[in-house]
PDB file of N, CA and C in Angstrom:
ATOM      1  N   MET A   1      70.887  -4.856   3.502  1.00  0.00           N
ATOM      2  CA  MET A   1      71.003  -6.273   3.737  1.00  0.00           C
ATOM      3  C   MET A   1      69.704  -6.839   4.287  1.00  0.00           C
ATOM      4  N   SER A   2      69.028  -6.089   5.156  1.00  0.00           N
ATOM      5  CA  SER A   2      67.771  -6.596   5.708  1.00  0.00           C
ATOM      6  C   SER A   2      66.692  -6.705   4.638  1.00  0.00           C
ATOM      7  N   GLU A   3      66.764  -5.852   3.621  1.00  0.00           N
ATOM      8  CA  GLU A   3      65.796  -5.927   2.520  1.00  0.00           C
ATOM      9  C   GLU A   3      65.949  -7.248   1.765  1.00  0.00           C
ATOM     10  N   GLN A   4      67.167  -7.684   1.589  1.00  0.00           N
ATOM     11  CA  GLN A   4      67.416  -8.944   0.891  1.00  0.00           C
ATOM     12  C   GLN A   4      66.877 -10.123   1.706  1.00  0.00           C
ATOM     13  N   ASN A   5      67.042 -10.108   3.014  1.00  0.00           N
ATOM     14  CA  ASN A   5      66.534 -11.183   3.859  1.00  0.00           C
ATOM     15  C   ASN A   5      65.017 -11.244   3.827  1.00  0.00           C
ATOM     16  N   ASN A   6      64.354 -10.081   3.799  1.00  0.00           N
ATOM     17  CA  ASN A   6      62.896 -10.069   3.721  1.00  0.00           C
ATOM     18  C   ASN A   6      62.408 -10.671   2.413  1.00  0.00           C
ATOM     19  N   THR A   7      63.129 -10.420   1.352  1.00  0.00           N
ATOM     20  CA  THR A   7      62.753 -10.975   0.057  1.00  0.00           C
ATOM     21  C   THR A   7      62.847 -12.492   0.078  1.00  0.00           C
ATOM     22  N   ILE A   8      63.876 -13.010   0.667  1.00  0.00           N
ATOM     23  CA  ILE A   8      64.052 -14.462   0.727  1.00  0.00           C
ATOM     24  C   ILE A   8      62.971 -15.086   1.600  1.00  0.00           C
ATOM     25  N   LEU A   9      62.667 -14.462   2.715  1.00  0.00           N
ATOM     26  CA  LEU A   9      61.675 -15.022   3.624  1.00  0.00           C
ATOM     27  C   LEU A   9      60.258 -14.925   3.083  1.00  0.00           C
ATOM     28  N   SER A  10      59.994 -13.940   2.234  1.00  0.00           N
ATOM     29  CA  SER A  10      58.636 -13.777   1.732  1.00  0.00           C
ATOM     30  C   SER A  10      58.391 -14.545   0.437  1.00  0.00           C
ATOM     31  N   GLU A  11      59.367 -15.281  -0.021  1.00  0.00           N
ATOM     32  CA  GLU A  11      59.219 -16.041  -1.257  1.00  0.00           C
ATOM     33  C   GLU A  11      58.229 -17.187  -1.043  1.00  0.00           C
ATOM     34  N   THR A  12      57.306 -17.337  -1.968  1.00  0.00           N
ATOM     35  CA  THR A  12      56.316 -18.406  -1.855  1.00  0.00           C
ATOM     36  C   THR A  12      56.745 -19.610  -2.675  1.00  0.00           C
ATOM     37  N   THR A  13      56.231 -20.744  -2.300  1.00  0.00           N
ATOM     38  CA  THR A  13      56.528 -21.976  -3.036  1.00  0.00           C
ATOM     39  C   THR A  13      55.248 -22.604  -3.564  1.00  0.00           C
ATOM     40  N   GLY A  14      54.221 -21.806  -3.788  1.00  0.00           N
ATOM     41  CA  GLY A  14      52.949 -22.325  -4.267  1.00  0.00           C
ATOM     42  C   GLY A  14      53.013 -22.885  -5.668  1.00  0.00           C
ATOM     43  N   ASP A  15      53.969 -22.422  -6.460  1.00  0.00           N
ATOM     44  CA  ASP A  15      54.070 -22.911  -7.832  1.00  0.00           C
ATOM     45  C   ASP A  15      54.893 -24.193  -7.943  1.00  0.00           C
ATOM     46  N   VAL A  16      55.493 -24.631  -6.844  1.00  0.00           N
ATOM     47  CA  VAL A  16      56.304 -25.847  -6.847  1.00  0.00           C
ATOM     48  C   VAL A  16      55.391 -27.038  -6.580  1.00  0.00           C
ATOM     49  N   GLU A  17      55.427 -28.024  -7.467  1.00  0.00           N
ATOM     50  CA  GLU A  17      54.605 -29.217  -7.263  1.00  0.00           C
ATOM     51  C   GLU A  17      55.288 -30.127  -6.252  1.00  0.00           C
ATOM     52  N   ARG A  18      54.513 -30.555  -5.271  1.00  0.00           N
ATOM     53  CA  ARG A  18      55.035 -31.455  -4.247  1.00  0.00           C
ATOM     54  C   ARG A  18      54.227 -32.739  -4.286  1.00  0.00           C
ATOM     55  N   HIS A  19      54.919 -33.841  -4.268  1.00  0.00           N
ATOM     56  CA  HIS A  19      54.269 -35.142  -4.282  1.00  0.00           C
ATOM     57  C   HIS A  19      54.791 -35.954  -3.104  1.00  0.00           C
ATOM     58  N   PRO A  20      53.921 -36.753  -2.476  1.00  0.00           N
ATOM     59  CA  PRO A  20      54.408 -37.611  -1.396  1.00  0.00           C
ATOM     60  C   PRO A  20      55.326 -38.694  -1.961  1.00  0.00           C
ATOM     61  N   PRO A  21      56.162 -39.275  -1.118  1.00  0.00           N
ATOM     62  CA  PRO A  21      57.036 -40.354  -1.589  1.00  0.00           C
ATOM     63  C   PRO A  21      56.215 -41.509  -2.160  1.00  0.00           C
ATOM     64  N   ALA A  22      56.813 -42.271  -3.038  1.00  0.00           N
ATOM     65  CA  ALA A  22      56.114 -43.388  -3.677  1.00  0.00           C
ATOM     66  C   ALA A  22      55.620 -44.382  -2.628  1.00  0.00           C
ATOM     67  N   GLY A  23      54.365 -44.749  -2.727  1.00  0.00           N
ATOM     68  CA  GLY A  23      53.775 -45.716  -1.813  1.00  0.00           C
ATOM     69  C   GLY A  23      53.168 -45.115  -0.565  1.00  0.00           C
ATOM     70  N   ARG A  24      53.438 -43.864  -0.282  1.00  0.00           N
ATOM     71  CA  ARG A  24      52.936 -43.232   0.946  1.00  0.00           C
ATOM     72  C   ARG A  24      51.412 -43.108   0.924  1.00  0.00           C
ATOM     73  N   VAL A  25      50.851 -42.747  -0.215  1.00  0.00           N
ATOM     74  CA  VAL A  25      49.401 -42.597  -0.323  1.00  0.00           C
ATOM     75  C   VAL A  25      48.721 -43.947  -0.118  1.00  0.00           C
ATOM     76  N   ALA A  26      49.301 -45.009  -0.670  1.00  0.00           N
ATOM     77  CA  ALA A  26      48.722 -46.346  -0.513  1.00  0.00           C
ATOM     78  C   ALA A  26      48.725 -46.780   0.947  1.00  0.00           C
ATOM     79  N   VAL A  27      49.792 -46.480   1.657  1.00  0.00           N
ATOM     80  CA  VAL A  27      49.878 -46.847   3.075  1.00  0.00           C
ATOM     81  C   VAL A  27      48.842 -46.079   3.883  1.00  0.00           C
ATOM     82  N   VAL A  28      48.696 -44.802   3.612  1.00  0.00           N
ATOM     83  CA  VAL A  28      47.715 -43.986   4.334  1.00  0.00           C
ATOM     84  C   VAL A  28      46.296 -44.471   4.043  1.00  0.00           C
ATOM     85  N   MET A  29      46.008 -44.774   2.783  1.00  0.00           N
ATOM     86  CA  MET A  29      44.668 -45.249   2.427  1.00  0.00           C
ATOM     87  C   MET A  29      44.378 -46.619   3.039  1.00  0.00           C
ATOM     88  N   ALA A  30      45.373 -47.500   3.090  1.00  0.00           N
ATOM     89  CA  ALA A  30      45.187 -48.807   3.724  1.00  0.00           C
ATOM     90  C   ALA A  30      44.921 -48.639   5.217  1.00  0.00           C
ATOM     91  N   GLY A  31      45.662 -47.754   5.865  1.00  0.00           N
ATOM     92  CA  GLY A  31      45.425 -47.491   7.284  1.00  0.00           C
ATOM     93  C   GLY A  31      44.050 -46.913   7.536  1.00  0.00           C
ATOM     94  N   LEU A  32      43.621 -46.025   6.665  1.00  0.00           N
ATOM     95  CA  LEU A  32      42.288 -45.446   6.792  1.00  0.00           C
ATOM     96  C   LEU A  32      41.209 -46.507   6.614  1.00  0.00           C
ATOM     97  N   ALA A  33      41.382 -47.386   5.635  1.00  0.00           N
ATOM     98  CA  ALA A  33      40.403 -48.450   5.397  1.00  0.00           C
ATOM     99  C   ALA A  33      40.328 -49.405   6.586  1.00  0.00           C
ATOM    100  N   ILE A  34      41.474 -49.776   7.141  1.00  0.00           N
ATOM    101  CA  ILE A  34      41.481 -50.658   8.309  1.00  0.00           C
ATOM    102  C   ILE A  34      40.830 -49.965   9.496  1.00  0.00           C
ATOM    103  N   GLY A  35      41.110 -48.689   9.685  1.00  0.00           N
ATOM    104  CA  GLY A  35      40.492 -47.942  10.779  1.00  0.00           C
ATOM    105  C   GLY A  35      38.982 -47.870  10.650  1.00  0.00           C
ATOM    106  N   VAL A  36      38.488 -47.629   9.448  1.00  0.00           N
ATOM    107  CA  VAL A  36      37.037 -47.568   9.233  1.00  0.00           C
ATOM    108  C   VAL A  36      36.406 -48.934   9.480  1.00  0.00           C
ATOM    109  N   LEU A  37      37.055 -50.007   9.025  1.00  0.00           N
ATOM    110  CA  LEU A  37      36.531 -51.352   9.265  1.00  0.00           C
ATOM    111  C   LEU A  37      36.485 -51.680  10.757  1.00  0.00           C
ATOM    112  N   LEU A  38      37.533 -51.312  11.484  1.00  0.00           N
ATOM    113  CA  LEU A  38      37.544 -51.580  12.924  1.00  0.00           C
ATOM    114  C   LEU A  38      36.493 -50.758  13.662  1.00  0.00           C
ATOM    115  N   MET A  39      36.264 -49.528  13.228  1.00  0.00           N
ATOM    116  CA  MET A  39      35.207 -48.728  13.852  1.00  0.00           C
ATOM    117  C   MET A  39      33.838 -49.342  13.584  1.00  0.00           C
ATOM    118  N   GLY A  40      33.626 -49.844  12.376  1.00  0.00           N
ATOM    119  CA  GLY A  40      32.370 -50.519  12.059  1.00  0.00           C
ATOM    120  C   GLY A  40      32.188 -51.774  12.893  1.00  0.00           C
ATOM    121  N   LEU A  41      33.259 -52.549  13.057  1.00  0.00           N
ATOM    122  CA  LEU A  41      33.201 -53.750  13.888  1.00  0.00           C
ATOM    123  C   LEU A  41      32.903 -53.389  15.337  1.00  0.00           C
ATOM    124  N   GLN A  42      33.522 -52.343  15.829  1.00  0.00           N
ATOM    125  CA  GLN A  42      33.291 -51.913  17.207  1.00  0.00           C
ATOM    126  C   GLN A  42      31.843 -51.487  17.404  1.00  0.00           C
ATOM    127  N   LEU A  43      31.309 -50.736  16.480  1.00  0.00           N
ATOM    128  CA  LEU A  43      29.909 -50.312  16.570  1.00  0.00           C
ATOM    129  C   LEU A  43      28.970 -51.510  16.513  1.00  0.00           C
ATOM    130  N   TRP A  44      29.274 -52.469  15.657  1.00  0.00           N
ATOM    131  CA  TRP A  44      28.451 -53.671  15.553  1.00  0.00           C
ATOM    132  C   TRP A  44      28.484 -54.461  16.864  1.00  0.00           C
ATOM    133  N   LEU A  45      29.671 -54.626  17.456  1.00  0.00           N
ATOM    134  CA  LEU A  45      29.782 -55.346  18.727  1.00  0.00           C
ATOM    135  C   LEU A  45      29.003 -54.644  19.834  1.00  0.00           C
ATOM    136  N   LEU A  46      29.095 -53.330  19.897  1.00  0.00           N
ATOM    137  CA  LEU A  46      28.346 -52.596  20.921  1.00  0.00           C
ATOM    138  C   LEU A  46      26.842 -52.702  20.698  1.00  0.00           C
ATOM    139  N   THR A  47      26.416 -52.710  19.440  1.00  0.00           N
ATOM    140  CA  THR A  47      24.990 -52.843  19.136  1.00  0.00           C
ATOM    141  C   THR A  47      24.476 -54.205  19.573  1.00  0.00           C
ATOM    142  N   ILE A  48      25.226 -55.269  19.275  1.00  0.00           N
ATOM    143  CA  ILE A  48      24.828 -56.618  19.687  1.00  0.00           C
ATOM    144  C   ILE A  48      24.808 -56.720  21.211  1.00  0.00           C
ATOM    145  N   ALA A  49      25.821 -56.168  21.878  1.00  0.00           N
ATOM    146  CA  ALA A  49      25.878 -56.225  23.342  1.00  0.00           C
ATOM    147  C   ALA A  49      24.700 -55.489  23.963  1.00  0.00           C
ATOM    148  N   LEU A  50      24.365 -54.325  23.448  1.00  0.00           N
ATOM    149  CA  LEU A  50      23.232 -53.570  23.981  1.00  0.00           C
ATOM    150  C   LEU A  50      21.923 -54.293  23.722  1.00  0.00           C
ATOM    151  N   ASP A  51      21.775 -54.893  22.550  1.00  0.00           N
ATOM    152  CA  ASP A  51      20.563 -55.647  22.232  1.00  0.00           C
ATOM    153  C   ASP A  51      20.400 -56.837  23.177  1.00  0.00           C
ATOM    154  N   LEU A  52      21.485 -57.565  23.416  1.00  0.00           N
ATOM    155  CA  LEU A  52      21.422 -58.695  24.349  1.00  0.00           C
ATOM    156  C   LEU A  52      21.100 -58.224  25.762  1.00  0.00           C
ATOM    157  N   TYR A  53      21.710 -57.149  26.192  1.00  0.00           N
ATOM    158  CA  TYR A  53      21.484 -56.638  27.544  1.00  0.00           C
ATOM    159  C   TYR A  53      20.040 -56.188  27.740  1.00  0.00           C
ATOM    160  N   LEU A  54      19.502 -55.463  26.763  1.00  0.00           N
ATOM    161  CA  LEU A  54      18.134 -54.962  26.893  1.00  0.00           C
ATOM    162  C   LEU A  54      17.088 -56.063  26.757  1.00  0.00           C
ATOM    163  N   SER A  55      17.435 -57.169  26.091  1.00  0.00           N
ATOM    164  CA  SER A  55      16.485 -58.275  25.963  1.00  0.00           C
ATOM    165  C   SER A  55      16.529 -59.202  27.168  1.00  0.00           C
ATOM    166  N   GLY A  56      17.446 -58.973  28.092  1.00  0.00           N
ATOM    167  CA  GLY A  56      17.514 -59.775  29.306  1.00  0.00           C
ATOM    168  C   GLY A  56      18.432 -60.977  29.191  1.00  0.00           C
ATOM    169  N   ARG A  57      19.024 -61.203  28.045  1.00  0.00           N
ATOM    170  CA  ARG A  57      19.968 -62.318  27.870  1.00  0.00           C
ATOM    171  C   ARG A  57      21.375 -61.779  28.109  1.00  0.00           C
ATOM    172  N   ASN A  58      21.852 -61.937  29.308  1.00  0.00           N
ATOM    173  CA  ASN A  58      23.113 -61.303  29.697  1.00  0.00           C
ATOM    174  C   ASN A  58      24.353 -62.130  29.374  1.00  0.00           C
ATOM    175  N   GLU A  59      24.188 -63.340  28.839  1.00  0.00           N
ATOM    176  CA  GLU A  59      25.367 -64.150  28.528  1.00  0.00           C
ATOM    177  C   GLU A  59      26.096 -63.556  27.319  1.00  0.00           C
ATOM    178  N   GLY A  60      27.371 -63.349  27.475  1.00  0.00           N
ATOM    179  CA  GLY A  60      28.186 -62.837  26.386  1.00  0.00           C
ATOM    180  C   GLY A  60      28.218 -61.325  26.256  1.00  0.00           C
ATOM    181  N   VAL A  61      27.420 -60.611  27.054  1.00  0.00           N
ATOM    182  CA  VAL A  61      27.380 -59.155  26.923  1.00  0.00           C
ATOM    183  C   VAL A  61      28.725 -58.545  27.303  1.00  0.00           C
ATOM    184  N   TRP A  62      29.284 -59.003  28.408  1.00  0.00           N
ATOM    185  CA  TRP A  62      30.531 -58.405  28.878  1.00  0.00           C
ATOM    186  C   TRP A  62      31.703 -58.756  27.967  1.00  0.00           C
ATOM    187  N   GLN A  63      31.678 -59.948  27.369  1.00  0.00           N
ATOM    188  CA  GLN A  63      32.745 -60.304  26.439  1.00  0.00           C
ATOM    189  C   GLN A  63      32.700 -59.408  25.196  1.00  0.00           C
ATOM    190  N   LEU A  64      31.494 -59.135  24.708  1.00  0.00           N
ATOM    191  CA  LEU A  64      31.355 -58.259  23.545  1.00  0.00           C
ATOM    192  C   LEU A  64      31.799 -56.833  23.875  1.00  0.00           C
ATOM    193  N   ALA A  65      31.380 -56.343  25.034  1.00  0.00           N
ATOM    194  CA  ALA A  65      31.769 -54.989  25.430  1.00  0.00           C
ATOM    195  C   ALA A  65      33.280 -54.899  25.658  1.00  0.00           C
ATOM    196  N   LEU A  66      33.857 -55.942  26.248  1.00  0.00           N
ATOM    197  CA  LEU A  66      35.306 -55.964  26.475  1.00  0.00           C
ATOM    198  C   LEU A  66      36.069 -56.001  25.148  1.00  0.00           C
ATOM    199  N   THR A  67      35.595 -56.791  24.202  1.00  0.00           N
ATOM    200  CA  THR A  67      36.231 -56.846  22.880  1.00  0.00           C
ATOM    201  C   THR A  67      36.158 -55.490  22.193  1.00  0.00           C
ATOM    202  N   SER A  68      35.018 -54.832  22.289  1.00  0.00           N
ATOM    203  CA  SER A  68      34.876 -53.500  21.710  1.00  0.00           C
ATOM    204  C   SER A  68      35.839 -52.519  22.376  1.00  0.00           C
ATOM    205  N   GLY A  69      35.963 -52.611  23.687  1.00  0.00           N
ATOM    206  CA  GLY A  69      36.902 -51.749  24.405  1.00  0.00           C
ATOM    207  C   GLY A  69      38.349 -52.008  24.015  1.00  0.00           C
ATOM    208  N   LEU A  70      38.692 -53.275  23.780  1.00  0.00           N
ATOM    209  CA  LEU A  70      40.053 -53.597  23.347  1.00  0.00           C
ATOM    210  C   LEU A  70      40.344 -53.048  21.952  1.00  0.00           C
ATOM    211  N   ILE A  71      39.349 -53.090  21.075  1.00  0.00           N
ATOM    212  CA  ILE A  71      39.520 -52.492  19.749  1.00  0.00           C
ATOM    213  C   ILE A  71      39.742 -50.986  19.886  1.00  0.00           C
ATOM    214  N   PHE A  72      38.984 -50.358  20.780  1.00  0.00           N
ATOM    215  CA  PHE A  72      39.149 -48.925  21.016  1.00  0.00           C
ATOM    216  C   PHE A  72      40.553 -48.611  21.537  1.00  0.00           C
ATOM    217  N   LEU A  73      41.009 -49.377  22.525  1.00  0.00           N
ATOM    218  CA  LEU A  73      42.347 -49.146  23.074  1.00  0.00           C
ATOM    219  C   LEU A  73      43.432 -49.401  22.032  1.00  0.00           C
ATOM    220  N   GLY A  74      43.226 -50.406  21.180  1.00  0.00           N
ATOM    221  CA  GLY A  74      44.176 -50.654  20.097  1.00  0.00           C
ATOM    222  C   GLY A  74      44.237 -49.488  19.129  1.00  0.00           C
ATOM    223  N   GLY A  75      43.088 -48.897  18.843  1.00  0.00           N
ATOM    224  CA  GLY A  75      43.058 -47.724  17.967  1.00  0.00           C
ATOM    225  C   GLY A  75      43.786 -46.544  18.579  1.00  0.00           C
ATOM    226  N   ILE A  76      43.591 -46.331  19.877  1.00  0.00           N
ATOM    227  CA  ILE A  76      44.304 -45.250  20.572  1.00  0.00           C
ATOM    228  C   ILE A  76      45.813 -45.511  20.544  1.00  0.00           C
ATOM    229  N   PHE A  77      46.199 -46.767  20.762  1.00  0.00           N
ATOM    230  CA  PHE A  77      47.617 -47.131  20.750  1.00  0.00           C
ATOM    231  C   PHE A  77      48.247 -46.854  19.385  1.00  0.00           C
ATOM    232  N   VAL A  78      47.593 -47.277  18.322  1.00  0.00           N
ATOM    233  CA  VAL A  78      48.119 -47.054  16.971  1.00  0.00           C
ATOM    234  C   VAL A  78      48.161 -45.565  16.654  1.00  0.00           C
ATOM    235  N   TRP A  79      47.146 -44.836  17.081  1.00  0.00           N
ATOM    236  CA  TRP A  79      47.113 -43.391  16.854  1.00  0.00           C
ATOM    237  C   TRP A  79      48.295 -42.709  17.541  1.00  0.00           C
ATOM    238  N   ARG A  80      48.581 -43.123  18.780  1.00  0.00           N
ATOM    239  CA  ARG A  80      49.700 -42.525  19.518  1.00  0.00           C
ATOM    240  C   ARG A  80      51.039 -42.854  18.862  1.00  0.00           C
ATOM    241  N   ILE A  81      51.157 -44.055  18.316  1.00  0.00           N
ATOM    242  CA  ILE A  81      52.391 -44.435  17.629  1.00  0.00           C
ATOM    243  C   ILE A  81      52.557 -43.619  16.353  1.00  0.00           C
ATOM    244  N   ALA A  82      51.452 -43.348  15.666  1.00  0.00           N
ATOM    245  CA  ALA A  82      51.513 -42.662  14.378  1.00  0.00           C
ATOM    246  C   ALA A  82      51.773 -41.166  14.512  1.00  0.00           C
ATOM    247  N   LEU A  83      51.590 -40.600  15.698  1.00  0.00           N
ATOM    248  CA  LEU A  83      51.843 -39.171  15.873  1.00  0.00           C
ATOM    249  C   LEU A  83      53.321 -38.873  15.671  1.00  0.00           C
ATOM    250  N   PRO A  84      53.621 -37.740  15.056  1.00  0.00           N
ATOM    251  CA  PRO A  84      55.035 -37.389  14.887  1.00  0.00           C
ATOM    252  C   PRO A  84      55.686 -37.112  16.241  1.00  0.00           C
ATOM    253  N   ARG A  85      56.915 -37.528  16.360  1.00  0.00           N
ATOM    254  CA  ARG A  85      57.659 -37.332  17.607  1.00  0.00           C
ATOM    255  C   ARG A  85      58.108 -35.883  17.721  1.00  0.00           C
ATOM    256  N   ARG A  86      57.940 -35.317  18.909  1.00  0.00           N
ATOM    257  CA  ARG A  86      58.422 -33.959  19.178  1.00  0.00           C
ATOM    258  C   ARG A  86      59.606 -34.053  20.116  1.00  0.00           C
ATOM    259  N   ILE A  87      60.683 -33.442  19.705  1.00  0.00           N
ATOM    260  CA  ILE A  87      61.906 -33.510  20.532  1.00  0.00           C
ATOM    261  C   ILE A  87      62.059 -32.219  21.296  1.00  0.00           C
TER     262      ILE A  87
END
């Protein structure tokens, strides 16, 4: 009987084609595109803030840095929501 159980457990499923549910790939790609755009925006905001700070024009530097930080926190929030739940 134990020989039969080993056979069942050692069976591979590499020959079975698996496809994600319809629309799942589009949702993942849209999320990836939005994430890349937000990272680019965050980098741009930090670059402008650093340029203003180093040139001595301090007006608006903290607002830009704060906006970049909020984008970062939003990304962390979405990432935490997207993680699978462990019970």
